[in-house]
Protein backbone atom coordinates (compact mmCIF):
# COMPACT_ATOMS: atom_id res chain seq x y z
CA UNK A 1 79.80 101.40 121.51
CA UNK A 2 77.37 103.69 123.30
CA UNK A 3 73.66 102.86 123.40
CA UNK A 4 72.93 105.83 121.13
CA UNK A 5 75.44 104.48 118.63
CA UNK A 6 73.79 101.06 118.67
CA UNK A 7 70.36 102.63 118.08
CA UNK A 8 71.68 104.67 115.15
CA UNK A 9 73.32 101.65 113.54
CA UNK A 10 70.08 99.72 114.08
CA UNK A 11 68.16 102.42 112.18
CA UNK A 12 70.67 102.37 109.31
CA UNK A 13 70.50 98.57 109.06
CA UNK A 14 66.72 98.85 108.87
CA UNK A 15 66.98 101.62 106.26
CA UNK A 16 69.44 99.58 104.18
CA UNK A 17 67.13 96.58 104.24
CA UNK A 18 64.22 98.78 103.13
CA UNK A 19 66.28 100.25 100.26
CA UNK A 20 67.19 96.73 99.15
CA UNK A 21 63.53 95.68 99.52
CA UNK A 22 64.41 92.58 101.50
CA UNK A 23 62.52 90.94 104.32
CA UNK A 24 64.39 90.36 107.55
CA UNK A 25 64.57 86.66 106.64
CA UNK A 26 65.98 87.30 103.15
CA UNK A 27 68.41 89.93 104.43
CA UNK A 28 69.62 87.54 107.12
CA UNK A 29 69.89 84.64 104.68
CA UNK A 30 72.26 86.63 102.47
CA UNK A 31 74.36 87.43 105.51
CA UNK A 32 74.31 83.88 106.87
CA UNK A 33 72.23 84.72 109.96
CA UNK A 34 68.64 84.16 111.03
CA UNK A 35 65.71 86.56 110.81
CA UNK A 36 65.81 86.76 114.61
CA UNK A 37 69.37 88.10 114.51
CA UNK A 38 68.32 90.83 112.06
CA UNK A 39 65.26 91.64 114.17
CA UNK A 40 67.41 91.97 117.31
CA UNK A 41 69.92 94.19 115.47
CA UNK A 42 67.18 96.43 114.07
CA UNK A 43 65.63 96.83 117.52
CA UNK A 44 69.05 97.60 119.05
CA UNK A 45 68.71 94.65 121.41
CA UNK A 46 72.23 93.49 120.62
CA UNK A 47 75.38 95.30 119.62
CA UNK A 48 76.55 94.28 116.16
CA UNK A 49 80.05 92.85 116.12
CA UNK A 50 82.59 94.62 113.93
CA UNK A 51 83.11 91.45 111.87
CA UNK A 52 79.36 91.36 111.14
CA UNK A 53 79.37 95.00 110.03
CA UNK A 54 82.37 94.35 107.77
CA UNK A 55 80.58 91.34 106.26
CA UNK A 56 77.38 93.34 105.71
CA UNK A 57 79.36 96.09 103.97
CA UNK A 58 81.14 93.58 101.74
CA UNK A 59 77.99 91.68 100.74
CA UNK A 60 75.88 94.74 99.94
CA UNK A 61 78.56 97.27 98.93
CA UNK A 62 77.75 99.56 101.85
CA UNK A 63 80.18 102.20 103.07
CA UNK A 64 81.14 101.42 106.65
CA UNK A 65 81.39 105.15 107.45
CA UNK A 66 77.73 105.52 106.49
CA UNK A 67 76.70 102.46 108.49
CA UNK A 68 78.54 103.39 111.67
CA UNK A 69 78.60 107.21 111.56
CA UNK A 70 76.02 108.28 108.93
CA UNK A 71 78.83 109.89 106.92
CA UNK A 72 78.78 109.99 103.13
CA UNK A 73 76.81 107.86 100.72
CA UNK A 74 75.11 104.59 101.65
CA UNK A 75 76.81 102.55 98.92
CA UNK A 76 80.45 102.59 97.89
CA UNK A 77 79.52 101.04 94.57
CA UNK A 78 76.33 100.34 92.72
CA UNK A 79 74.63 97.41 94.42
CA UNK A 80 74.35 94.44 92.14
CA UNK A 81 73.36 91.11 93.55
CA UNK A 82 75.93 88.40 93.02
CA UNK A 83 73.81 85.26 92.88
CA UNK A 84 76.81 82.92 93.06
CA UNK A 85 78.15 84.68 96.14
CA UNK A 86 74.71 84.60 97.78
CA UNK A 87 74.39 80.89 97.01
CA UNK A 88 77.88 80.15 98.33
CA UNK A 89 77.17 81.99 101.58
CA UNK A 90 73.86 80.18 101.98
CA UNK A 91 75.49 76.78 101.47
CA UNK A 92 78.50 77.60 103.66
CA UNK A 93 76.28 78.81 106.52
CA UNK A 94 74.32 75.53 106.39
CA UNK A 95 77.46 73.40 106.82
CA UNK A 96 78.55 71.97 110.15
CA UNK A 97 81.80 73.41 111.59
CA UNK A 98 83.74 70.33 110.44
CA UNK A 99 82.66 70.80 106.82
CA UNK A 100 83.07 74.59 106.98
CA UNK A 101 86.73 74.07 107.87
CA UNK A 102 87.16 71.73 104.90
CA UNK A 103 85.30 74.04 102.50
CA UNK A 104 87.35 77.03 103.63
CA UNK A 105 90.61 75.14 103.10
CA UNK A 106 89.47 74.21 99.58
CA UNK A 107 88.57 77.84 98.80
CA UNK A 108 91.97 79.00 100.07
CA UNK A 109 93.63 76.44 97.81
CA UNK A 110 91.64 77.64 94.80
CA UNK A 111 92.52 81.24 95.59
CA UNK A 112 96.21 80.35 95.84
CA UNK A 113 96.05 78.60 92.43
CA UNK A 114 94.29 81.61 90.93
CA UNK A 115 96.93 83.95 92.35
CA UNK A 116 99.74 81.79 90.97
CA UNK A 117 98.07 81.83 87.54
CA UNK A 118 98.06 85.60 87.20
CA UNK A 119 95.33 86.57 89.61
CA UNK A 120 92.33 86.51 87.29
CA UNK A 121 90.31 87.30 90.40
CA UNK A 122 87.04 88.94 89.35
CA UNK A 123 86.11 87.51 85.98
CA UNK A 124 84.10 84.43 85.12
């Protein structure tokens, strides 16, 4: 990614955070990263990894085309905070790698059971 591209993404991350009215610390917490990471991204000191951008888009309902190219609307759906998802991310990010591996395997097992039982995947 060119330096200009990094600077433009940095500005859009900063704009998104302002629209959501979140501090760098709160924004980072919801994404599972520190305030320093958000600060470095917003100042274009580091290039955001594609996996991070995908995660950001998923968590906040942001259109990746807007984030990376300033095309279209900011949100692909109305933003509505999912407190359970935020809590799960916060807990998962605090786990050591050993326990993250275990937690992820448990979540995959639950997802497989849900899929086998008709895929009731977005309710309750």
